[in-house]
C-alpha atoms as a PDB file:
ATOM      1  CA  THR A   1      26.120 -25.546 337.739  1.00  0.00           C
ATOM      2  CA  LEU A   2      28.675 -27.966 336.520  1.00  0.00           C
ATOM      3  CA  GLY A   3      31.219 -27.169 339.290  1.00  0.00           C
ATOM      4  CA  ALA A   4      28.728 -28.094 341.924  1.00  0.00           C
ATOM      5  CA  ALA A   5      27.876 -31.166 340.090  1.00  0.00           C
ATOM      6  CA  GLU A   6      31.331 -32.237 339.774  1.00  0.00           C
ATOM      7  CA  ARG A   7      32.107 -31.566 343.455  1.00  0.00           C
ATOM      8  CA  GLU A   8      29.301 -34.087 344.347  1.00  0.00           C
ATOM      9  CA  GLY A   9      30.137 -37.060 341.950  1.00  0.00           C
ATOM     10  CA  GLY A  10      33.169 -36.162 339.610  1.00  0.00           C
ATOM     11  CA  TYR A  11      32.821 -36.130 335.893  1.00  0.00           C
ATOM     12  CA  PRO A  12      29.658 -38.529 335.615  1.00  0.00           C
ATOM     13  CA  SER A  13      27.599 -35.987 337.830  1.00  0.00           C
ATOM     14  CA  ALA A  14      28.884 -32.924 336.070  1.00  0.00           C
ATOM     15  CA  LEU A  15      28.253 -34.606 332.708  1.00  0.00           C
ATOM     16  CA  ARG A  16      24.433 -35.354 333.805  1.00  0.00           C
ATOM     17  CA  ALA A  17      24.065 -31.699 334.765  1.00  0.00           C
ATOM     18  CA  PHE A  18      25.089 -30.742 331.299  1.00  0.00           C
ATOM     19  CA  GLU A  19      22.729 -33.177 329.579  1.00  0.00           C
ATOM     20  CA  ALA A  20      19.809 -32.334 331.950  1.00  0.00           C
ATOM     21  CA  SER A  21      20.368 -28.627 330.691  1.00  0.00           C
ATOM     22  CA  GLY A  22      19.930 -29.883 327.212  1.00  0.00           C
ATOM     23  CA  GLU A  23      18.420 -27.131 325.180  1.00  0.00           C
ATOM     24  CA  SER A  24      18.340 -24.809 327.717  1.00  0.00           C
ATOM     25  CA  LEU A  25      21.958 -23.962 327.320  1.00  0.00           C
ATOM     26  CA  PRO A  26      22.180 -21.076 325.001  1.00  0.00           C
ATOM     27  CA  ALA A  27      24.618 -22.092 321.961  1.00  0.00           C
ATOM     28  CA  ALA A  28      26.726 -19.135 322.916  1.00  0.00           C
ATOM     29  CA  GLN A  29      27.744 -20.753 326.149  1.00  0.00           C
ATOM     30  CA  ALA A  30      27.611 -24.459 325.070  1.00  0.00           C
ATOM     31  CA  TRP A  31      31.543 -24.116 324.298  1.00  0.00           C
ATOM     32  CA  ARG A  32      32.263 -22.841 327.727  1.00  0.00           C
ATOM     33  CA  ALA A  33      30.222 -25.819 329.158  1.00  0.00           C
ATOM     34  CA  HIS A  34      32.416 -28.284 326.875  1.00  0.00           C
ATOM     35  CA  LEU A  35      35.725 -26.723 328.310  1.00  0.00           C
ATOM     36  CA  GLU A  36      34.564 -27.250 331.867  1.00  0.00           C
ATOM     37  CA  LEU A  37      33.606 -30.742 331.093  1.00  0.00           C
ATOM     38  CA  ALA A  38      36.860 -31.321 329.669  1.00  0.00           C
ATOM     39  CA  GLU A  39      38.713 -29.962 332.802  1.00  0.00           C
ATOM     40  CA  CYS A  40      36.156 -32.176 335.026  1.00  0.00           C
ATOM     41  CA  ALA A  41      37.141 -35.009 332.504  1.00  0.00           C
ATOM     42  CA  LYS A  42      40.941 -34.246 332.872  1.00  0.00           C
ATOM     43  CA  ARG A  43      40.792 -34.393 336.982  1.00  0.00           C
ATOM     44  CA  GLY A  44      38.788 -37.684 336.479  1.00  0.00           C
ATOM     45  CA  ALA A  45      41.551 -39.010 334.229  1.00  0.00           C
ATOM     46  CA  ALA A  46      39.033 -39.864 331.370  1.00  0.00           C
ATOM     47  CA  LEU A  47      41.289 -38.934 328.553  1.00  0.00           C
ATOM     48  CA  PRO A  48      38.899 -39.942 325.381  1.00  0.00           C
ATOM     49  CA  GLN A  49      36.186 -37.694 327.326  1.00  0.00           C
ATOM     50  CA  VAL A  50      38.601 -34.751 327.538  1.00  0.00           C
ATOM     51  CA  LYS A  51      39.241 -35.042 323.652  1.00  0.00           C
ATOM     52  CA  TYR A  52      35.664 -35.295 322.831  1.00  0.00           C
ATOM     53  CA  HIS A  53      34.633 -32.041 324.816  1.00  0.00           C
ATOM     54  CA  LEU A  54      37.600 -30.092 323.698  1.00  0.00           C
ATOM     55  CA  ALA A  55      36.704 -30.951 320.092  1.00  0.00           C
ATOM     56  CA  GLN A  56      32.816 -29.939 320.762  1.00  0.00           C
ATOM     57  CA  ALA A  57      33.909 -26.731 322.001  1.00  0.00           C
ATOM     58  CA  LEU A  58      36.164 -26.047 319.112  1.00  0.00           C
ATOM     59  CA  LEU A  59      33.209 -27.189 316.763  1.00  0.00           C
ATOM     60  CA  ALA A  60      30.913 -24.487 318.413  1.00  0.00           C
ATOM     61  CA  GLN A  61      33.403 -21.781 318.385  1.00  0.00           C
ATOM     62  CA  PRO A  62      36.409 -22.522 316.069  1.00  0.00           C
ATOM     63  CA  CYS A  63      37.361 -18.672 315.562  1.00  0.00           C
ATOM     64  CA  THR A  64      37.434 -18.188 319.303  1.00  0.00           C
ATOM     65  CA  VAL A  65      41.016 -17.825 320.516  1.00  0.00           C
ATOM     66  CA  GLN A  66      40.199 -18.738 324.215  1.00  0.00           C
ATOM     67  CA  VAL A  67      38.753 -22.200 322.785  1.00  0.00           C
ATOM     68  CA  TRP A  68      42.029 -22.971 320.947  1.00  0.00           C
ATOM     69  CA  LEU A  69      44.273 -21.745 324.058  1.00  0.00           C
ATOM     70  CA  GLU A  70      42.521 -23.731 326.468  1.00  0.00           C
ATOM     71  CA  SER A  71      42.402 -26.952 324.204  1.00  0.00           C
ATOM     72  CA  CYS A  72      46.105 -26.806 323.526  1.00  0.00           C
ATOM     73  CA  ARG A  73      47.153 -25.916 326.987  1.00  0.00           C
ATOM     74  CA  THR A  74      44.923 -29.062 328.161  1.00  0.00           C
ATOM     75  CA  LEU A  75      46.446 -31.347 325.666  1.00  0.00           C
ATOM     76  CA  ASP A  76      49.856 -30.320 326.853  1.00  0.00           C
ATOM     77  CA  GLU A  77      49.279 -30.819 330.114  1.00  0.00           C
ATOM     78  CA  LEU A  78      48.227 -34.322 329.315  1.00  0.00           C
ATOM     79  CA  GLY A  79      51.459 -35.045 326.899  1.00  0.00           C
ATOM     80  CA  GLU A  80      48.728 -35.045 324.138  1.00  0.00           C
ATOM     81  CA  LEU A  81      50.068 -31.685 322.306  1.00  0.00           C
ATOM     82  CA  GLU A  82      50.359 -33.396 318.981  1.00  0.00           C
ATOM     83  CA  GLU A  83      46.510 -33.658 318.798  1.00  0.00           C
ATOM     84  CA  CYS A  84      46.471 -29.767 318.814  1.00  0.00           C
END
């Protein structure tokens, strides 16, 4: 899982685990993975990656309220609410 990979090696490890899952990750779950990667990147202070993964989650599920709420909450925590 991404959480286990992050515990082992931070955001880069979680990203590698996500990329390794490749096509095996159902499209319906990709947005959740991107939200989780955004959180990993936030903990690693990688703002451009946070924004990238939030954008990918929103592209994957633009009508899902949870994606918007999580994205705006994360950006607010980072002082980047105007991005929302």
